[in-house]
């Protein structure tokens, strides 16, 4: 192997290592997940809802999911209850740890399904923009939704930006 190939391999390994959380970070994220799970179990008891709670670490954030049947009231008609529940859960974790959290909450697979739909939207919109050469403005979205679209557009080789003020902030997909 040439010296430049060895350096490139070492550089890639260093980047991969820095992208992965270390053991202390994983322990902290697992603790956040446990605090969130305890908080959510209490809420489920109060609301007299049945659901199982799954915890995981995804990348650099804790991820908690409530799975079960009849959880639609925890999602809301367009995910607004889920967003509010996530913010309340984040506040509970922050209160316990004293540190801000980026915890993600999913209920009944809603967020995972929404992520897949937004990735398709971003990819399809990027294709349309490439074909037409004209920018396309999408409907207003939450920060989570905009991030999913921005990532899909970037993966398709185009650029995008957000414009407007909350709650009417939207993604604009731009030609190259």
N, C-alpha and C. Protein backbone atom coordinates (compact mmCIF):
# COMPACT_ATOMS: atom_id res chain seq x y z
N UNK A 1 0.85 -1.18 0.00
CA UNK A 1 0.00 0.00 0.00
C UNK A 1 0.89 1.23 0.00
N UNK A 2 0.54 2.22 -0.83
CA UNK A 2 1.34 3.44 -0.90
C UNK A 2 1.14 4.27 0.35
N UNK A 3 2.08 5.21 0.54
CA UNK A 3 2.00 6.06 1.74
C UNK A 3 0.72 6.90 1.72
N UNK A 4 0.33 7.43 0.55
CA UNK A 4 -0.88 8.25 0.49
C UNK A 4 -2.13 7.41 0.73
N UNK A 5 -2.12 6.14 0.28
CA UNK A 5 -3.26 5.25 0.53
C UNK A 5 -3.37 4.95 2.02
N UNK A 6 -2.22 4.75 2.68
CA UNK A 6 -2.24 4.49 4.13
C UNK A 6 -2.78 5.71 4.87
N UNK A 7 -2.33 6.92 4.46
CA UNK A 7 -2.82 8.15 5.10
C UNK A 7 -4.32 8.32 4.88
N UNK A 8 -4.81 8.02 3.68
CA UNK A 8 -6.24 8.13 3.39
C UNK A 8 -7.04 7.17 4.25
N UNK A 9 -6.54 5.93 4.38
CA UNK A 9 -7.22 4.93 5.21
C UNK A 9 -7.24 5.37 6.67
N UNK A 10 -6.09 5.90 7.15
CA UNK A 10 -6.04 6.37 8.54
C UNK A 10 -6.98 7.54 8.75
N UNK A 11 -7.04 8.45 7.77
CA UNK A 11 -7.93 9.60 7.87
C UNK A 11 -9.39 9.15 7.92
N UNK A 12 -9.78 8.19 7.04
CA UNK A 12 -11.14 7.67 7.04
C UNK A 12 -11.46 6.99 8.37
N UNK A 13 -10.51 6.23 8.91
CA UNK A 13 -10.73 5.56 10.20
C UNK A 13 -10.92 6.58 11.31
N UNK A 14 -10.12 7.65 11.28
CA UNK A 14 -10.24 8.70 12.30
C UNK A 14 -11.60 9.39 12.20
N UNK A 15 -12.06 9.65 10.96
CA UNK A 15 -13.37 10.28 10.78
C UNK A 15 -14.48 9.37 11.28
N UNK A 16 -14.40 8.08 10.97
CA UNK A 16 -15.42 7.13 11.44
C UNK A 16 -15.44 7.07 12.96
N UNK A 17 -14.24 7.05 13.56
CA UNK A 17 -14.16 6.98 15.02
C UNK A 17 -14.73 8.23 15.66
N UNK A 18 -14.48 9.42 15.04
CA UNK A 18 -14.99 10.64 15.64
C UNK A 18 -16.49 10.76 15.43
N UNK A 19 -17.05 10.09 14.41
CA UNK A 19 -18.49 10.15 14.16
C UNK A 19 -19.26 9.24 15.10
N UNK A 20 -18.60 8.22 15.61
CA UNK A 20 -19.25 7.28 16.52
C UNK A 20 -19.08 7.77 17.96
N UNK A 21 -20.14 7.72 18.74
CA UNK A 21 -20.02 8.13 20.14
C UNK A 21 -19.11 7.18 20.91
N UNK A 22 -18.32 7.73 21.86
CA UNK A 22 -17.48 6.88 22.69
C UNK A 22 -18.33 6.26 23.80
N UNK A 23 -17.69 5.42 24.62
CA UNK A 23 -18.43 4.69 25.66
C UNK A 23 -19.12 5.62 26.66
N UNK A 24 -18.44 6.70 27.04
CA UNK A 24 -19.05 7.65 27.98
C UNK A 24 -20.29 8.30 27.37
N UNK A 25 -20.19 8.66 26.08
CA UNK A 25 -21.31 9.29 25.39
C UNK A 25 -22.47 8.30 25.27
N UNK A 26 -22.17 7.06 24.94
CA UNK A 26 -23.21 6.03 24.83
C UNK A 26 -23.90 5.83 26.18
N UNK A 27 -23.12 5.80 27.25
CA UNK A 27 -23.70 5.65 28.59
C UNK A 27 -24.62 6.83 28.91
N UNK A 28 -24.19 8.05 28.56
CA UNK A 28 -25.01 9.23 28.80
C UNK A 28 -26.31 9.16 28.00
N UNK A 29 -26.23 8.73 26.74
CA UNK A 29 -27.42 8.63 25.91
C UNK A 29 -28.35 7.52 26.40
N UNK A 30 -27.79 6.42 26.88
CA UNK A 30 -28.62 5.35 27.45
C UNK A 30 -29.33 5.84 28.70
N UNK A 31 -28.63 6.63 29.52
CA UNK A 31 -29.25 7.22 30.72
C UNK A 31 -30.41 8.13 30.32
N UNK A 32 -30.21 8.94 29.28
CA UNK A 32 -31.30 9.80 28.79
C UNK A 32 -32.50 8.95 28.38
N UNK A 33 -32.24 7.85 27.68
CA UNK A 33 -33.31 6.96 27.25
C UNK A 33 -34.07 6.37 28.43
N UNK A 34 -33.35 5.98 29.47
CA UNK A 34 -33.99 5.41 30.66
C UNK A 34 -34.84 6.44 31.39
N UNK A 35 -34.33 7.66 31.50
CA UNK A 35 -35.11 8.73 32.14
C UNK A 35 -36.37 9.00 31.33
N UNK A 36 -36.22 9.07 30.01
CA UNK A 36 -37.37 9.31 29.14
C UNK A 36 -38.38 8.17 29.27
N UNK A 37 -37.89 6.93 29.30
CA UNK A 37 -38.79 5.78 29.40
C UNK A 37 -39.58 5.83 30.70
N UNK A 38 -38.93 6.16 31.81
CA UNK A 38 -39.63 6.27 33.10
C UNK A 38 -40.71 7.35 33.03
N UNK A 39 -40.36 8.49 32.45
CA UNK A 39 -41.31 9.59 32.32
C UNK A 39 -42.51 9.16 31.48
N UNK A 40 -42.24 8.54 30.34
CA UNK A 40 -43.31 8.13 29.43
C UNK A 40 -44.18 7.03 30.03
N UNK A 41 -43.58 6.12 30.78
CA UNK A 41 -44.37 5.08 31.46
C UNK A 41 -45.36 5.72 32.43
N UNK A 42 -44.91 6.74 33.13
CA UNK A 42 -45.81 7.46 34.04
C UNK A 42 -46.96 8.12 33.29
N UNK A 43 -46.66 8.73 32.16
CA UNK A 43 -47.71 9.35 31.35
C UNK A 43 -48.69 8.31 30.81
N UNK A 44 -48.17 7.19 30.35
CA UNK A 44 -49.05 6.13 29.85
C UNK A 44 -49.98 5.63 30.95
N UNK A 45 -49.44 5.49 32.18
CA UNK A 45 -50.27 5.06 33.31
C UNK A 45 -51.37 6.07 33.60
N UNK A 46 -51.00 7.35 33.62
CA UNK A 46 -51.97 8.40 33.90
C UNK A 46 -53.07 8.40 32.84
N UNK A 47 -52.68 8.23 31.57
CA UNK A 47 -53.65 8.25 30.47
C UNK A 47 -54.35 6.91 30.28
N UNK A 48 -53.96 5.92 31.07
CA UNK A 48 -54.52 4.57 30.99
C UNK A 48 -54.39 3.99 29.57
N UNK A 49 -53.17 4.12 29.02
CA UNK A 49 -52.87 3.60 27.69
C UNK A 49 -51.86 2.46 27.82
N UNK A 50 -52.03 1.46 26.95
CA UNK A 50 -51.08 0.36 26.92
C UNK A 50 -50.06 0.62 25.83
N UNK A 51 -48.81 0.42 26.16
CA UNK A 51 -47.74 0.56 25.18
C UNK A 51 -46.44 0.08 25.77
N UNK A 52 -45.61 -0.47 24.93
CA UNK A 52 -44.27 -0.88 25.34
C UNK A 52 -43.30 0.20 24.92
N UNK A 53 -42.24 0.35 25.69
CA UNK A 53 -41.25 1.38 25.39
C UNK A 53 -39.94 0.71 25.02
N UNK A 54 -39.44 1.10 23.84
CA UNK A 54 -38.16 0.62 23.35
C UNK A 54 -37.18 1.78 23.38
N UNK A 55 -35.95 1.49 23.80
CA UNK A 55 -34.90 2.51 23.84
C UNK A 55 -33.75 2.07 22.96
N UNK A 56 -33.09 3.05 22.36
CA UNK A 56 -31.94 2.77 21.51
C UNK A 56 -31.08 4.03 21.46
N UNK A 57 -29.88 3.86 20.94
CA UNK A 57 -29.01 5.00 20.65
C UNK A 57 -28.81 4.98 19.15
N UNK A 58 -29.21 6.07 18.49
CA UNK A 58 -29.07 6.18 17.04
C UNK A 58 -28.13 7.34 16.75
N UNK A 59 -26.94 6.99 16.30
CA UNK A 59 -25.95 8.03 16.01
C UNK A 59 -25.55 8.73 17.29
N UNK A 60 -25.87 10.02 17.37
CA UNK A 60 -25.46 10.81 18.53
C UNK A 60 -26.65 11.26 19.37
N UNK A 61 -27.72 10.47 19.35
CA UNK A 61 -28.88 10.82 20.17
C UNK A 61 -29.59 9.59 20.68
N UNK A 62 -30.26 9.76 21.80
CA UNK A 62 -31.10 8.70 22.35
C UNK A 62 -32.39 8.67 21.54
N UNK A 63 -32.91 7.46 21.37
CA UNK A 63 -34.16 7.28 20.63
C UNK A 63 -35.08 6.40 21.47
N UNK A 64 -36.29 6.88 21.67
CA UNK A 64 -37.28 6.15 22.46
C UNK A 64 -38.53 6.00 21.62
N UNK A 65 -39.08 4.79 21.62
CA UNK A 65 -40.30 4.51 20.85
C UNK A 65 -41.35 3.92 21.77
N UNK A 66 -42.59 4.37 21.58
CA UNK A 66 -43.72 3.74 22.26
C UNK A 66 -44.41 2.92 21.18
N UNK A 67 -44.53 1.62 21.43
CA UNK A 67 -45.16 0.74 20.46
C UNK A 67 -46.37 0.08 21.09
N UNK A 68 -47.37 -0.13 20.27
CA UNK A 68 -48.59 -0.76 20.74
C UNK A 68 -49.75 -0.37 19.84
N UNK A 69 -50.91 -0.81 20.21
CA UNK A 69 -52.10 -0.47 19.43
C UNK A 69 -52.83 0.68 20.09
N UNK A 70 -53.65 1.34 19.35
CA UNK A 70 -54.48 2.44 19.85
C UNK A 70 -53.67 3.58 20.46
N UNK A 71 -52.63 3.99 19.77
CA UNK A 71 -51.80 5.08 20.26
C UNK A 71 -51.97 6.36 19.45
N UNK A 72 -52.97 6.37 18.55
CA UNK A 72 -53.17 7.52 17.66
C UNK A 72 -53.34 8.83 18.42
N UNK A 73 -53.94 8.79 19.61
CA UNK A 73 -54.13 10.02 20.36
C UNK A 73 -52.82 10.60 20.87
N UNK A 74 -51.74 9.79 20.87
CA UNK A 74 -50.42 10.29 21.25
C UNK A 74 -49.67 10.86 20.05
N UNK A 75 -50.26 10.73 18.86
CA UNK A 75 -49.64 11.25 17.64
C UNK A 75 -50.32 12.54 17.21
N UNK A 76 -51.65 12.54 17.21
CA UNK A 76 -52.41 13.69 16.72
C UNK A 76 -52.64 13.57 15.24
N UNK A 77 -53.44 14.48 14.70
CA UNK A 77 -53.84 14.36 13.29
C UNK A 77 -52.67 14.58 12.33
N UNK A 78 -51.71 15.40 12.69
CA UNK A 78 -50.55 15.59 11.82
C UNK A 78 -49.25 15.57 12.62
N UNK A 79 -49.25 14.82 13.71
CA UNK A 79 -48.04 14.66 14.51
C UNK A 79 -47.81 15.73 15.55
N UNK A 80 -48.76 16.64 15.72
CA UNK A 80 -48.55 17.74 16.67
C UNK A 80 -48.51 17.26 18.11
N UNK A 81 -49.28 16.25 18.46
CA UNK A 81 -49.24 15.73 19.83
C UNK A 81 -47.90 15.02 20.07
N UNK A 82 -47.43 14.28 19.08
CA UNK A 82 -46.12 13.62 19.18
C UNK A 82 -45.02 14.65 19.40
N UNK A 83 -45.05 15.75 18.64
CA UNK A 83 -44.04 16.81 18.80
C UNK A 83 -44.08 17.39 20.23
N UNK A 84 -45.29 17.64 20.72
CA UNK A 84 -45.43 18.20 22.07
C UNK A 84 -44.95 17.20 23.12
N UNK A 85 -45.30 15.93 22.93
CA UNK A 85 -44.88 14.88 23.86
C UNK A 85 -43.35 14.74 23.85
N UNK A 86 -42.75 14.86 22.68
CA UNK A 86 -41.29 14.81 22.59
C UNK A 86 -40.68 15.97 23.37
N UNK A 87 -41.22 17.17 23.23
CA UNK A 87 -40.68 18.33 23.95
C UNK A 87 -40.84 18.17 25.46
N UNK A 88 -41.98 17.67 25.90
CA UNK A 88 -42.18 17.42 27.34
C UNK A 88 -41.18 16.38 27.86
N UNK A 89 -40.96 15.35 27.06
CA UNK A 89 -40.01 14.29 27.45
C UNK A 89 -38.60 14.86 27.51
N UNK A 90 -38.25 15.68 26.54
CA UNK A 90 -36.93 16.32 26.56
C UNK A 90 -36.76 17.19 27.80
N UNK A 91 -37.82 17.92 28.16
CA UNK A 91 -37.75 18.75 29.37
C UNK A 91 -37.55 17.90 30.62
N UNK A 92 -38.23 16.76 30.69
CA UNK A 92 -38.07 15.86 31.84
C UNK A 92 -36.63 15.34 31.92
N UNK A 93 -36.05 14.99 30.78
CA UNK A 93 -34.66 14.50 30.76
C UNK A 93 -33.71 15.62 31.14
N UNK A 94 -33.93 16.80 30.60
CA UNK A 94 -33.06 17.94 30.92
C UNK A 94 -33.14 18.27 32.41
N UNK A 95 -34.34 18.20 32.98
CA UNK A 95 -34.50 18.47 34.41
C UNK A 95 -33.68 17.49 35.25
N UNK A 96 -33.67 16.21 34.85
CA UNK A 96 -32.94 15.17 35.59
C UNK A 96 -31.43 15.28 35.41
N UNK A 97 -30.98 15.52 34.18
CA UNK A 97 -29.55 15.49 33.88
C UNK A 97 -28.88 16.84 34.00
N UNK A 98 -29.65 17.91 33.88
CA UNK A 98 -29.07 19.24 33.89
C UNK A 98 -28.45 19.62 32.55
N UNK A 99 -28.61 18.76 31.54
CA UNK A 99 -28.04 19.03 30.22
C UNK A 99 -29.12 18.93 29.16
N UNK A 100 -28.99 19.74 28.13
CA UNK A 100 -29.93 19.71 27.00
C UNK A 100 -29.82 18.36 26.30
N UNK A 101 -30.95 17.85 25.83
CA UNK A 101 -30.97 16.56 25.14
C UNK A 101 -31.54 16.74 23.73
N UNK A 102 -31.11 15.86 22.84
CA UNK A 102 -31.63 15.84 21.47
C UNK A 102 -32.45 14.57 21.24
N UNK A 103 -32.95 14.01 22.30
CA UNK A 103 -33.72 12.77 22.27
C UNK A 103 -34.81 12.81 21.20
N UNK A 104 -34.98 11.70 20.50
CA UNK A 104 -36.05 11.58 19.52
C UNK A 104 -37.09 10.61 20.06
N UNK A 105 -38.35 10.95 19.88
CA UNK A 105 -39.45 10.10 20.32
C UNK A 105 -40.28 9.70 19.12
N UNK A 106 -40.64 8.43 19.07
CA UNK A 106 -41.55 7.94 18.03
C UNK A 106 -42.69 7.22 18.74
N UNK A 107 -43.87 7.30 18.16
CA UNK A 107 -45.04 6.61 18.69
C UNK A 107 -45.66 5.80 17.57
N UNK A 108 -45.78 4.51 17.79
CA UNK A 108 -46.45 3.64 16.82
C UNK A 108 -45.82 3.65 15.44
N UNK A 109 -44.53 3.96 15.34
CA UNK A 109 -43.85 3.99 14.05
C UNK A 109 -44.19 5.19 13.19
N UNK A 110 -44.91 6.17 13.76
CA UNK A 110 -45.32 7.35 12.99
C UNK A 110 -44.12 8.11 12.44
N UNK A 111 -43.16 8.41 13.28
CA UNK A 111 -42.01 9.21 12.85
C UNK A 111 -41.18 8.46 11.81
N UNK A 112 -41.02 7.15 11.99
CA UNK A 112 -40.26 6.35 11.01
C UNK A 112 -40.96 6.36 9.65
N UNK A 113 -42.27 6.22 9.66
CA UNK A 113 -43.03 6.25 8.39
C UNK A 113 -42.96 7.64 7.78
N UNK A 114 -43.05 8.66 8.60
CA UNK A 114 -42.99 10.04 8.10
C UNK A 114 -41.61 10.32 7.51
N UNK A 115 -40.56 9.81 8.16
CA UNK A 115 -39.19 9.98 7.66
C UNK A 115 -39.07 9.39 6.26
N UNK A 116 -39.59 8.18 6.05
CA UNK A 116 -39.52 7.53 4.74
C UNK A 116 -40.28 8.34 3.69
N UNK A 117 -41.45 8.85 4.06
CA UNK A 117 -42.25 9.65 3.12
C UNK A 117 -41.53 10.95 2.76
N UNK A 118 -40.89 11.58 3.74
CA UNK A 118 -40.17 12.83 3.49
C UNK A 118 -38.93 12.60 2.63
N UNK A 119 -38.27 11.47 2.84
CA UNK A 119 -37.11 11.15 2.00
C UNK A 119 -37.56 10.97 0.55
N UNK A 120 -38.71 10.30 0.34
CA UNK A 120 -39.25 10.15 -1.02
C UNK A 120 -39.61 11.52 -1.60
N UNK A 121 -40.23 12.37 -0.79
CA UNK A 121 -40.60 13.71 -1.24
C UNK A 121 -39.35 14.49 -1.67
N UNK A 122 -38.31 14.45 -0.87
CA UNK A 122 -37.07 15.15 -1.20
C UNK A 122 -36.44 14.63 -2.48
N UNK A 123 -36.40 13.32 -2.63
CA UNK A 123 -35.82 12.70 -3.82
C UNK A 123 -36.65 13.02 -5.06
N UNK A 124 -37.98 12.90 -4.95
CA UNK A 124 -38.86 13.19 -6.09
C UNK A 124 -38.79 14.66 -6.48
N UNK A 125 -38.75 15.54 -5.48
CA UNK A 125 -38.68 16.97 -5.77
C UNK A 125 -37.35 17.32 -6.43
N UNK A 126 -36.26 16.72 -5.94
CA UNK A 126 -34.95 16.96 -6.55
C UNK A 126 -34.96 16.52 -8.02
N UNK A 127 -35.58 15.41 -8.32
CA UNK A 127 -35.67 14.92 -9.70
C UNK A 127 -36.44 15.93 -10.56
N UNK A 128 -37.56 16.43 -10.04
CA UNK A 128 -38.35 17.42 -10.78
C UNK A 128 -37.57 18.71 -11.03
N UNK A 129 -36.82 19.15 -10.03
CA UNK A 129 -36.03 20.37 -10.16
C UNK A 129 -34.91 20.17 -11.19
N UNK A 130 -34.29 19.00 -11.17
CA UNK A 130 -33.25 18.70 -12.17
C UNK A 130 -33.83 18.74 -13.57
N UNK A 131 -35.02 18.18 -13.74
CA UNK A 131 -35.66 18.13 -15.06
C UNK A 131 -36.11 19.51 -15.54
N UNK A 132 -36.69 20.30 -14.64
CA UNK A 132 -37.25 21.60 -15.04
C UNK A 132 -36.25 22.74 -14.97
N UNK A 133 -35.27 22.62 -14.09
CA UNK A 133 -34.32 23.71 -13.87
C UNK A 133 -34.90 24.85 -13.06
N UNK A 134 -36.11 24.66 -12.53
CA UNK A 134 -36.80 25.69 -11.74
C UNK A 134 -36.85 25.30 -10.26
N UNK A 135 -36.70 26.27 -9.35
CA UNK A 135 -36.83 25.94 -7.92
C UNK A 135 -38.26 25.52 -7.58
N UNK A 136 -38.37 24.70 -6.55
CA UNK A 136 -39.69 24.25 -6.08
C UNK A 136 -39.80 24.54 -4.59
N UNK A 137 -40.90 25.20 -4.21
CA UNK A 137 -41.20 25.47 -2.79
C UNK A 137 -42.15 24.39 -2.30
N UNK A 138 -41.82 23.81 -1.16
CA UNK A 138 -42.67 22.78 -0.56
C UNK A 138 -43.57 23.40 0.51
N UNK A 139 -44.52 22.64 0.96
CA UNK A 139 -45.44 23.09 2.01
C UNK A 139 -44.67 23.31 3.32
N UNK A 140 -45.21 24.14 4.21
CA UNK A 140 -44.56 24.33 5.51
C UNK A 140 -44.39 23.02 6.26
N UNK A 141 -43.27 22.92 6.99
CA UNK A 141 -42.93 21.69 7.72
C UNK A 141 -42.28 22.03 9.05
N UNK A 142 -42.27 21.04 9.92
CA UNK A 142 -41.58 21.17 11.21
C UNK A 142 -40.07 21.08 10.96
N UNK A 143 -39.25 21.48 11.93
CA UNK A 143 -37.80 21.36 11.76
C UNK A 143 -37.36 19.93 11.44
N UNK A 144 -37.93 18.94 12.11
CA UNK A 144 -37.60 17.53 11.85
C UNK A 144 -37.89 17.19 10.39
N UNK A 145 -39.05 17.59 9.91
CA UNK A 145 -39.45 17.28 8.54
C UNK A 145 -38.54 17.98 7.54
N UNK A 146 -38.21 19.24 7.80
CA UNK A 146 -37.32 19.96 6.89
C UNK A 146 -35.95 19.30 6.81
N UNK A 147 -35.44 18.85 7.95
CA UNK A 147 -34.13 18.19 7.96
C UNK A 147 -34.13 16.95 7.09
N UNK A 148 -35.19 16.15 7.18
CA UNK A 148 -35.28 14.94 6.37
C UNK A 148 -35.26 15.28 4.88
N UNK A 149 -35.99 16.32 4.49
CA UNK A 149 -36.05 16.73 3.08
C UNK A 149 -34.69 17.27 2.64
N UNK A 150 -34.08 18.14 3.45
CA UNK A 150 -32.76 18.69 3.11
C UNK A 150 -31.76 17.57 2.88
N UNK A 151 -31.76 16.57 3.75
CA UNK A 151 -30.82 15.45 3.61
C UNK A 151 -31.06 14.67 2.32
N UNK A 152 -32.32 14.43 1.97
CA UNK A 152 -32.64 13.69 0.74
C UNK A 152 -32.25 14.50 -0.49
N UNK A 153 -32.48 15.80 -0.47
CA UNK A 153 -32.12 16.66 -1.60
C UNK A 153 -30.60 16.67 -1.78
N UNK A 154 -29.87 16.80 -0.68
CA UNK A 154 -28.41 16.79 -0.75
C UNK A 154 -27.89 15.46 -1.30
N UNK A 155 -28.51 14.36 -0.87
CA UNK A 155 -28.11 13.03 -1.36
C UNK A 155 -28.37 12.90 -2.85
N UNK A 156 -29.36 13.64 -3.37
CA UNK A 156 -29.68 13.61 -4.80
C UNK A 156 -28.79 14.57 -5.59
N UNK A 157 -27.91 15.30 -4.91
CA UNK A 157 -26.95 16.15 -5.59
C UNK A 157 -27.40 17.59 -5.82
N UNK A 158 -28.47 18.00 -5.18
CA UNK A 158 -28.93 19.39 -5.30
C UNK A 158 -28.81 20.08 -3.95
N UNK A 159 -29.17 21.35 -3.95
CA UNK A 159 -29.14 22.08 -2.68
C UNK A 159 -30.53 22.60 -2.37
N UNK A 160 -30.74 22.87 -1.10
CA UNK A 160 -32.02 23.38 -0.65
C UNK A 160 -31.79 24.34 0.50
N UNK A 161 -32.79 25.14 0.77
CA UNK A 161 -32.72 26.05 1.91
C UNK A 161 -34.11 26.21 2.48
N UNK A 162 -34.15 26.69 3.70
CA UNK A 162 -35.43 26.94 4.34
C UNK A 162 -35.72 28.43 4.26
N UNK A 163 -37.01 28.75 4.11
CA UNK A 163 -37.41 30.16 4.09
C UNK A 163 -38.70 30.31 4.86
N UNK A 164 -38.94 31.54 5.31
CA UNK A 164 -40.16 31.84 6.05
C UNK A 164 -39.95 31.76 7.54
N UNK A 165 -41.00 32.05 8.26
CA UNK A 165 -40.98 32.05 9.72
C UNK A 165 -41.87 30.92 10.23
N UNK A 166 -41.50 30.36 11.39
CA UNK A 166 -42.33 29.32 12.00
C UNK A 166 -43.71 29.89 12.27
N UNK A 167 -44.76 29.18 12.13
CA UNK A 167 -44.87 27.78 11.76
C UNK A 167 -44.98 27.57 10.25
N UNK A 168 -44.71 28.62 9.46
CA UNK A 168 -44.84 28.52 8.01
C UNK A 168 -43.51 28.39 7.30
N UNK A 169 -42.48 27.90 8.00
CA UNK A 169 -41.16 27.73 7.40
C UNK A 169 -41.20 26.54 6.44
N UNK A 170 -40.62 26.69 5.26
CA UNK A 170 -40.69 25.67 4.23
C UNK A 170 -39.34 25.45 3.57
N UNK A 171 -39.20 24.34 2.87
CA UNK A 171 -38.01 24.01 2.12
C UNK A 171 -38.19 24.48 0.68
N UNK A 172 -37.12 25.07 0.15
CA UNK A 172 -37.08 25.43 -1.27
C UNK A 172 -35.94 24.62 -1.87
N UNK A 173 -36.26 23.80 -2.89
CA UNK A 173 -35.25 22.99 -3.57
C UNK A 173 -34.79 23.79 -4.78
N UNK A 174 -33.46 23.97 -4.87
CA UNK A 174 -32.88 24.84 -5.89
C UNK A 174 -32.11 24.05 -6.94
N UNK A 175 -32.16 24.51 -8.21
CA UNK A 175 -31.36 23.84 -9.23
C UNK A 175 -29.87 24.12 -8.97
N UNK A 176 -29.02 23.34 -9.58
CA UNK A 176 -27.56 23.48 -9.36
C UNK A 176 -27.07 24.80 -9.86
